[in-house]
N, C-alpha and C. Protein backbone atom coordinates (compact mmCIF):
# COMPACT_ATOMS: atom_id res chain seq x y z
N MET A 1 0.68 -1.01 -0.22
CA MET A 1 0.18 -0.19 0.05
C MET A 1 0.90 1.08 0.14
N ASN A 2 0.74 2.40 -1.23
CA ASN A 2 1.22 3.62 -0.83
C ASN A 2 0.47 4.39 -0.41
N ILE A 3 1.00 5.42 0.55
CA ILE A 3 0.57 6.36 0.85
C ILE A 3 1.37 7.61 0.68
N LEU A 4 0.62 8.93 0.69
CA LEU A 4 1.17 9.76 0.58
C LEU A 4 0.65 11.07 1.47
N PHE A 5 1.75 11.36 2.60
CA PHE A 5 1.65 12.86 3.39
C PHE A 5 1.77 14.11 2.66
N LEU A 6 0.61 15.10 2.51
CA LEU A 6 0.78 15.79 1.90
C LEU A 6 0.42 16.74 2.72
N CYS A 7 1.24 18.04 2.64
CA CYS A 7 1.30 19.66 3.24
C CYS A 7 1.48 20.35 2.60
N THR A 8 1.71 21.56 3.00
CA THR A 8 1.52 23.16 2.62
C THR A 8 3.31 22.85 1.02
N GLY A 9 3.99 22.65 2.72
CA GLY A 9 5.55 22.84 2.30
C GLY A 9 6.41 21.86 2.09
N ASN A 10 6.10 20.69 2.54
CA ASN A 10 6.80 19.41 2.71
C ASN A 10 7.92 19.68 3.79
N SER A 11 7.69 20.61 4.76
CA SER A 11 9.11 20.73 5.38
C SER A 11 8.73 20.37 6.79
N CYS A 12 7.78 19.95 7.01
CA CYS A 12 7.49 19.70 8.74
C CYS A 12 6.93 18.36 9.24
N ARG A 13 5.21 18.81 8.98
CA ARG A 13 4.37 17.79 9.47
C ARG A 13 4.36 16.64 8.43
N SER A 14 4.18 16.68 7.04
CA SER A 14 4.33 16.20 6.22
C SER A 14 5.60 15.00 6.47
N GLN A 15 6.68 15.34 6.23
CA GLN A 15 7.94 15.02 6.53
C GLN A 15 8.25 13.72 7.98
N MET A 16 7.65 14.52 9.16
CA MET A 16 7.50 13.64 10.17
C MET A 16 6.32 12.45 10.11
N ALA A 17 5.61 12.55 9.29
CA ALA A 17 4.30 11.48 9.32
C ALA A 17 4.93 10.14 8.45
N GLU A 18 6.09 10.94 7.53
CA GLU A 18 6.68 9.71 6.23
C GLU A 18 7.55 9.13 7.35
N GLY A 19 8.33 10.24 7.81
CA GLY A 19 9.13 8.98 8.79
C GLY A 19 8.57 8.15 9.78
N TRP A 20 7.75 8.46 10.50
CA TRP A 20 7.06 7.65 11.60
C TRP A 20 6.60 6.43 10.70
N ALA A 21 5.79 6.61 9.55
CA ALA A 21 5.09 5.23 8.54
C ALA A 21 6.00 4.34 8.48
N ASN A 22 7.45 5.04 7.95
CA ASN A 22 8.28 4.33 7.52
C ASN A 22 9.31 3.70 8.60
N HIS A 23 9.07 4.27 9.76
CA HIS A 23 9.63 3.22 10.99
C HIS A 23 8.66 2.29 11.79
N LEU A 24 7.44 2.71 11.58
CA LEU A 24 6.36 2.00 12.42
C LEU A 24 5.75 1.43 11.50
N LYS A 25 5.50 1.04 10.35
CA LYS A 25 4.64 0.53 9.59
C LYS A 25 5.36 -0.26 8.33
N ALA A 26 6.54 -0.25 8.38
CA ALA A 26 7.17 -0.32 6.50
C ALA A 26 6.24 -1.90 6.15
N ALA A 27 6.19 -2.91 7.21
CA ALA A 27 5.60 -3.96 6.89
C ALA A 27 4.52 -4.00 6.02
N HIS A 28 3.56 -3.19 6.57
CA HIS A 28 2.22 -2.86 5.79
C HIS A 28 1.89 -1.81 4.95
N LEU A 29 2.72 -0.79 4.63
CA LEU A 29 2.93 0.08 3.77
C LEU A 29 4.34 0.94 3.42
N THR A 30 3.93 1.65 2.48
CA THR A 30 5.19 2.34 1.55
C THR A 30 4.65 4.11 2.05
N ALA A 31 5.44 4.98 2.74
CA ALA A 31 5.13 5.99 2.72
C ALA A 31 5.72 6.89 2.24
N TYR A 32 5.23 8.24 1.68
CA TYR A 32 5.89 9.30 0.84
C TYR A 32 5.30 10.67 1.67
N SER A 33 6.14 11.60 1.17
CA SER A 33 5.69 12.83 1.53
C SER A 33 5.80 14.01 0.66
N ALA A 34 4.95 15.17 0.41
CA ALA A 34 5.41 15.95 -0.49
C ALA A 34 4.86 17.31 -0.07
N GLY A 35 4.62 18.40 -0.91
CA GLY A 35 3.94 19.29 -0.47
C GLY A 35 3.18 20.17 -1.84
N VAL A 36 2.15 20.96 -1.92
CA VAL A 36 1.76 21.72 -3.18
C VAL A 36 2.98 22.82 -3.13
N GLU A 37 3.72 22.89 -2.34
CA GLU A 37 4.96 24.18 -2.38
C GLU A 37 5.84 23.00 -2.00
N THR A 38 7.07 23.75 -1.69
CA THR A 38 8.74 23.23 -1.21
C THR A 38 8.89 24.51 -0.25
N HIS A 39 9.26 24.13 0.79
CA HIS A 39 9.88 25.08 1.99
C HIS A 39 11.18 24.50 2.30
N GLY A 40 11.50 23.56 1.89
CA GLY A 40 13.12 23.06 2.59
C GLY A 40 12.57 22.04 3.96
N LEU A 41 13.54 21.49 4.24
CA LEU A 41 13.15 20.43 5.54
C LEU A 41 13.72 21.66 6.81
N ASN A 42 12.29 21.39 7.65
CA ASN A 42 12.44 22.29 8.70
C ASN A 42 13.51 21.71 10.05
N PRO A 43 14.52 22.30 10.31
CA PRO A 43 15.63 21.72 11.00
C PRO A 43 14.88 21.08 12.69
N TYR A 44 13.73 22.05 13.04
CA TYR A 44 13.43 21.77 14.19
C TYR A 44 12.31 20.13 14.18
N ALA A 45 11.96 19.75 12.99
CA ALA A 45 11.46 18.73 12.43
C ALA A 45 12.36 17.54 12.79
N VAL A 46 13.52 17.69 12.32
CA VAL A 46 14.79 17.19 12.02
C VAL A 46 15.08 16.63 13.75
N LYS A 47 15.25 17.79 14.33
CA LYS A 47 15.76 17.58 15.79
C LYS A 47 14.63 16.64 16.58
N VAL A 48 13.43 17.33 16.45
CA VAL A 48 12.89 16.23 17.27
C VAL A 48 12.10 14.69 17.07
N MET A 49 12.52 14.53 15.36
CA MET A 49 12.48 13.36 14.81
C MET A 49 13.80 12.42 15.20
N ALA A 50 15.26 13.40 15.20
CA ALA A 50 15.93 12.61 15.90
C ALA A 50 15.95 12.03 17.30
N GLU A 51 15.54 13.19 17.88
CA GLU A 51 15.08 12.67 19.54
C GLU A 51 14.65 11.38 19.73
N ALA A 52 13.67 11.10 19.03
CA ALA A 52 12.72 10.04 18.80
C ALA A 52 13.06 8.73 18.29
N GLY A 53 14.47 8.78 17.55
CA GLY A 53 15.15 7.85 17.16
C GLY A 53 14.92 7.51 15.52
N ILE A 54 14.66 8.41 15.12
CA ILE A 54 14.25 8.72 13.27
C ILE A 54 14.85 9.69 13.05
N ASP A 55 15.65 9.44 11.79
CA ASP A 55 16.83 9.86 10.78
C ASP A 55 15.73 10.75 10.05
N ILE A 56 15.50 12.04 9.67
CA ILE A 56 15.12 12.15 8.52
C ILE A 56 16.01 13.40 7.97
N SER A 57 16.95 13.44 8.15
CA SER A 57 17.78 14.25 7.68
C SER A 57 18.26 14.49 6.35
N GLY A 58 18.02 13.20 5.91
CA GLY A 58 18.30 12.92 4.63
C GLY A 58 17.75 13.09 3.30
N ASN A 59 16.50 13.64 4.12
CA ASN A 59 14.64 13.71 3.24
C ASN A 59 15.46 15.10 2.57
N SER A 60 14.16 15.53 1.66
CA SER A 60 14.32 16.46 0.96
C SER A 60 12.83 17.04 0.83
N SER A 61 12.56 18.25 0.69
CA SER A 61 11.07 18.92 0.19
C SER A 61 10.60 18.68 -1.06
N LYS A 62 10.00 17.77 -1.38
CA LYS A 62 9.42 17.75 -2.62
C LYS A 62 7.60 17.92 -2.99
N LEU A 63 7.75 18.51 -4.37
CA LEU A 63 6.33 19.02 -4.87
C LEU A 63 5.60 17.68 -4.69
N VAL A 64 4.14 17.78 -4.91
CA VAL A 64 3.69 16.90 -5.24
C VAL A 64 3.58 16.11 -6.61
N THR A 65 3.94 17.28 -7.31
CA THR A 65 3.73 16.32 -8.89
C THR A 65 5.30 15.92 -9.31
N ASP A 66 6.51 15.67 -8.22
CA ASP A 66 7.70 15.37 -8.15
C ASP A 66 7.07 13.83 -8.20
N LEU A 67 6.07 13.39 -7.42
CA LEU A 67 6.02 11.86 -7.26
C LEU A 67 4.85 11.11 -8.22
N THR A 68 3.91 12.05 -8.42
CA THR A 68 2.53 11.29 -8.95
C THR A 68 2.73 10.59 -10.25
N SER A 69 3.77 11.04 -10.77
CA SER A 69 4.10 10.42 -12.06
C SER A 69 5.04 9.31 -11.70
N ASN A 70 5.71 8.79 -10.75
CA ASN A 70 6.30 7.45 -10.44
C ASN A 70 5.65 6.69 -9.76
N VAL A 71 4.52 6.99 -8.77
CA VAL A 71 3.79 6.11 -7.68
C VAL A 71 2.30 6.42 -7.87
N GLU A 72 1.82 5.20 -7.55
CA GLU A 72 0.46 4.97 -7.80
C GLU A 72 -0.10 5.51 -6.22
N PHE A 73 -0.44 6.13 -5.86
CA PHE A 73 -1.09 6.45 -4.08
C PHE A 73 -2.34 5.64 -4.20
N ASP A 74 -2.76 4.67 -3.01
CA ASP A 74 -3.73 3.90 -2.77
C ASP A 74 -4.47 5.05 -1.75
N PHE A 75 -3.51 6.15 -0.77
CA PHE A 75 -4.18 6.80 0.05
C PHE A 75 -3.30 8.04 0.09
N VAL A 76 -3.64 9.45 -0.01
CA VAL A 76 -2.96 10.71 0.06
C VAL A 76 -3.91 11.16 1.36
N ILE A 77 -2.83 11.36 2.47
CA ILE A 77 -3.59 12.36 3.76
C ILE A 77 -2.92 13.48 3.76
N THR A 78 -3.85 14.64 3.67
CA THR A 78 -3.74 15.96 3.81
C THR A 78 -3.40 16.40 5.08
N VAL A 79 -2.49 16.72 5.54
CA VAL A 79 -1.75 17.03 7.18
C VAL A 79 -2.18 18.52 7.86
N CYS A 80 -2.78 18.96 6.54
CA CYS A 80 -2.76 20.66 6.87
C CYS A 80 -3.94 21.49 5.93
N GLY A 81 -4.37 21.93 6.64
CA GLY A 81 -5.95 22.65 5.95
C GLY A 81 -5.43 23.41 4.21
N HIS A 82 -4.28 24.02 4.31
CA HIS A 82 -4.45 24.61 3.24
C HIS A 82 -3.72 23.50 2.06
N ALA A 83 -3.45 22.45 2.37
CA ALA A 83 -3.03 21.30 1.15
C ALA A 83 -4.43 20.50 1.25
N ASN A 84 -5.17 20.47 2.37
CA ASN A 84 -6.61 19.76 1.97
C ASN A 84 -7.38 21.08 1.12
N GLU A 85 -7.44 21.69 1.11
CA GLU A 85 -8.16 22.49 0.41
C GLU A 85 -7.50 23.02 -1.18
N ASN A 86 -6.14 22.57 -1.43
CA ASN A 86 -5.42 22.92 -2.57
C ASN A 86 -5.14 21.38 -3.35
N CYS A 87 -5.56 20.60 -2.46
CA CYS A 87 -4.69 19.09 -3.02
C CYS A 87 -5.16 18.85 -4.32
N PRO A 88 -4.11 18.67 -5.30
CA PRO A 88 -4.27 18.23 -6.52
C PRO A 88 -5.18 17.49 -6.79
N TYR A 89 -5.27 17.24 -7.94
CA TYR A 89 -6.45 15.92 -8.55
C TYR A 89 -5.68 14.80 -8.63
N PHE A 90 -6.66 13.53 -8.25
CA PHE A 90 -5.45 12.12 -7.91
C PHE A 90 -6.70 11.64 -8.51
N PRO A 91 -5.59 10.67 -9.40
CA PRO A 91 -6.75 9.67 -10.13
C PRO A 91 -7.81 8.94 -9.12
N SER A 92 -8.91 7.97 -9.72
CA SER A 92 -9.91 8.00 -9.01
C SER A 92 -9.52 7.01 -7.75
N ARG A 93 -8.27 6.21 -8.19
CA ARG A 93 -8.07 4.54 -7.40
C ARG A 93 -7.40 5.25 -5.96
N SER A 94 -6.77 6.62 -5.92
CA SER A 94 -6.14 7.34 -4.80
C SER A 94 -7.57 7.73 -3.97
N LYS A 95 -7.62 7.57 -2.77
CA LYS A 95 -8.53 7.69 -1.77
C LYS A 95 -7.97 9.26 -1.00
N VAL A 96 -8.38 10.00 -1.07
CA VAL A 96 -7.86 11.66 -0.27
C VAL A 96 -8.30 11.54 1.21
N VAL A 97 -7.76 11.78 2.33
CA VAL A 97 -8.08 11.43 3.69
C VAL A 97 -7.66 12.98 4.26
N HIS A 98 -8.39 13.67 4.87
CA HIS A 98 -7.71 14.75 5.31
C HIS A 98 -7.47 14.36 7.12
N VAL A 99 -6.30 14.70 7.60
CA VAL A 99 -5.89 14.47 9.07
C VAL A 99 -5.19 15.41 9.82
N GLY A 100 -5.84 16.44 10.25
CA GLY A 100 -4.90 17.68 9.96
C GLY A 100 -4.45 18.07 11.65
N PHE A 101 -3.09 18.19 11.44
CA PHE A 101 -2.40 18.64 13.01
C PHE A 101 -2.09 19.95 12.77
N ASP A 102 -1.63 20.77 14.11
CA ASP A 102 -1.33 22.13 14.33
C ASP A 102 -0.15 21.91 13.46
N ASP A 103 0.48 23.43 12.99
CA ASP A 103 1.91 23.91 12.00
C ASP A 103 2.60 24.04 12.98
N PRO A 104 3.40 23.32 13.83
CA PRO A 104 4.34 23.77 14.42
C PRO A 104 5.54 25.19 14.17
N PRO A 105 5.76 25.48 12.59
CA PRO A 105 6.40 26.79 12.74
C PRO A 105 5.33 27.80 12.75
N SER A 106 4.03 27.79 12.81
CA SER A 106 3.10 29.08 13.39
C SER A 106 2.71 28.99 14.92
N LEU A 107 2.95 28.02 15.41
CA LEU A 107 2.60 27.77 17.15
C LEU A 107 3.95 28.61 17.68
N ALA A 108 5.38 28.24 16.72
CA ALA A 108 6.51 29.06 17.77
C ALA A 108 6.70 30.11 16.81
N GLN A 109 5.94 30.88 16.29
CA GLN A 109 6.41 32.12 15.61
C GLN A 109 6.55 33.09 16.73
N GLY A 110 7.43 33.98 16.59
CA GLY A 110 7.35 34.48 17.61
C GLY A 110 8.07 34.30 19.29
N LEU A 111 8.35 32.99 19.16
CA LEU A 111 8.90 32.71 20.16
C LEU A 111 10.69 32.70 19.97
N THR A 112 11.21 32.99 21.20
CA THR A 112 13.00 32.83 20.92
C THR A 112 13.55 31.42 22.08
N ASP A 113 12.77 30.99 22.95
CA ASP A 113 13.58 30.03 23.84
C ASP A 113 13.14 28.85 23.13
N GLU A 114 14.23 28.19 22.82
CA GLU A 114 14.47 27.24 21.86
C GLU A 114 13.82 25.66 22.47
N GLU A 115 13.97 25.84 23.77
CA GLU A 115 13.22 24.48 24.24
C GLU A 115 11.62 24.22 24.35
N GLU A 116 11.07 26.03 24.54
CA GLU A 116 9.87 25.82 24.32
C GLU A 116 9.08 25.86 22.93
N ILE A 117 10.25 26.37 21.95
CA ILE A 117 9.97 25.92 20.65
C ILE A 117 10.08 24.36 20.46
N LEU A 118 10.63 23.52 20.69
CA LEU A 118 11.06 22.11 20.87
C LEU A 118 9.88 21.27 21.49
N THR A 119 9.17 21.75 22.39
CA THR A 119 8.29 21.69 22.94
C THR A 119 6.62 21.35 22.06
N LEU A 120 6.97 22.63 21.45
CA LEU A 120 5.80 22.40 20.63
C LEU A 120 5.56 21.64 19.39
N TYR A 121 7.14 21.59 18.70
CA TYR A 121 7.34 20.95 17.95
C TYR A 121 7.35 19.14 18.34
N ARG A 122 7.71 18.93 19.46
CA ARG A 122 7.44 17.59 20.20
C ARG A 122 6.18 17.10 20.08
N ARG A 123 5.33 18.07 20.69
CA ARG A 123 3.67 17.87 21.17
C ARG A 123 3.34 16.77 19.46
N VAL A 124 3.54 17.73 18.60
CA VAL A 124 2.89 17.34 17.20
C VAL A 124 3.55 16.39 16.53
N ARG A 125 4.48 16.38 17.09
CA ARG A 125 5.57 14.70 16.54
C ARG A 125 4.89 13.77 17.02
N ASP A 126 4.85 14.00 18.35
CA ASP A 126 3.84 12.82 18.96
C ASP A 126 2.30 12.37 18.92
N GLU A 127 1.94 13.43 18.34
CA GLU A 127 0.69 13.33 17.99
C GLU A 127 0.35 12.58 16.34
N ILE A 128 1.09 13.13 15.59
CA ILE A 128 1.33 12.27 14.55
C ILE A 128 1.94 11.45 14.47
N LYS A 129 2.55 10.53 15.40
CA LYS A 129 2.83 9.26 16.22
C LYS A 129 1.49 8.52 16.62
N THR A 130 0.69 9.19 16.98
CA THR A 130 -0.39 8.18 17.54
C THR A 130 -1.26 7.93 16.73
N TYR A 131 -1.13 9.00 15.31
CA TYR A 131 -2.05 8.51 14.33
C TYR A 131 -1.75 7.55 13.80
N VAL A 132 -0.54 7.51 13.13
CA VAL A 132 0.52 6.61 12.15
C VAL A 132 0.38 5.42 13.09
N GLU A 133 0.20 4.92 13.80
CA GLU A 133 0.03 3.88 14.64
C GLU A 133 -1.12 3.28 14.46
N THR A 134 -2.39 4.03 13.93
CA THR A 134 -3.70 3.36 13.73
C THR A 134 -3.09 3.05 12.55
N LEU A 135 -2.71 2.98 11.36
CA LEU A 135 -2.74 2.96 10.14
C LEU A 135 -1.78 1.49 9.92
N PRO A 136 -2.41 0.81 8.85
CA PRO A 136 -3.25 1.15 7.93
C PRO A 136 -5.12 0.88 8.19
N GLY A 137 -5.28 0.38 9.26
CA GLY A 137 -6.81 0.12 9.72
C GLY A 137 -7.53 1.16 9.20
N ALA A 138 -6.90 2.22 9.98
CA ALA A 138 -7.99 3.69 10.07
C ALA A 138 -8.36 3.97 8.59
N LEU A 139 -7.36 4.08 7.87
CA LEU A 139 -7.77 4.62 6.31
C LEU A 139 -8.82 3.56 5.72
N HIS A 140 -9.26 2.63 6.10
CA HIS A 140 -10.37 1.52 5.80
C HIS A 140 -11.58 2.28 6.20
N ASP A 141 -11.31 2.63 7.34
CA ASP A 141 -12.71 3.45 8.08
C ASP A 141 -12.98 4.67 7.37
N ALA A 142 -12.03 5.30 6.75
CA ALA A 142 -12.13 6.42 6.54
C ALA A 142 -13.58 6.96 5.33
């Protein structure tokens, strides 16, 4: 089963979801991530995933169009409202499911204390992990 986690910039939430899914669910699915734009890999996302034992530092921020010509997706999971509203068309085989998560960079905007910032990223990281742990079963109920 091929799953695409889609976010606006493919810098944070979708990258964390891909990392969790490939770490926890590799026997059941292959996870990818992309964005409707590219914003580069978020260093805080890399840091909090590394704390959890998952290295996403080699990932890159990709456009959804970079993947759709090479991979047929069973499910496309939008992890932010903007991506859900601007989700490109996928062939009828692909089922689009929206599961929104808070945007850590937006939550941390204006903060200067690194520990405070990391706490926000960790919360979203852990929420994404909790969701990924329900896969692929939760998708069949969607």
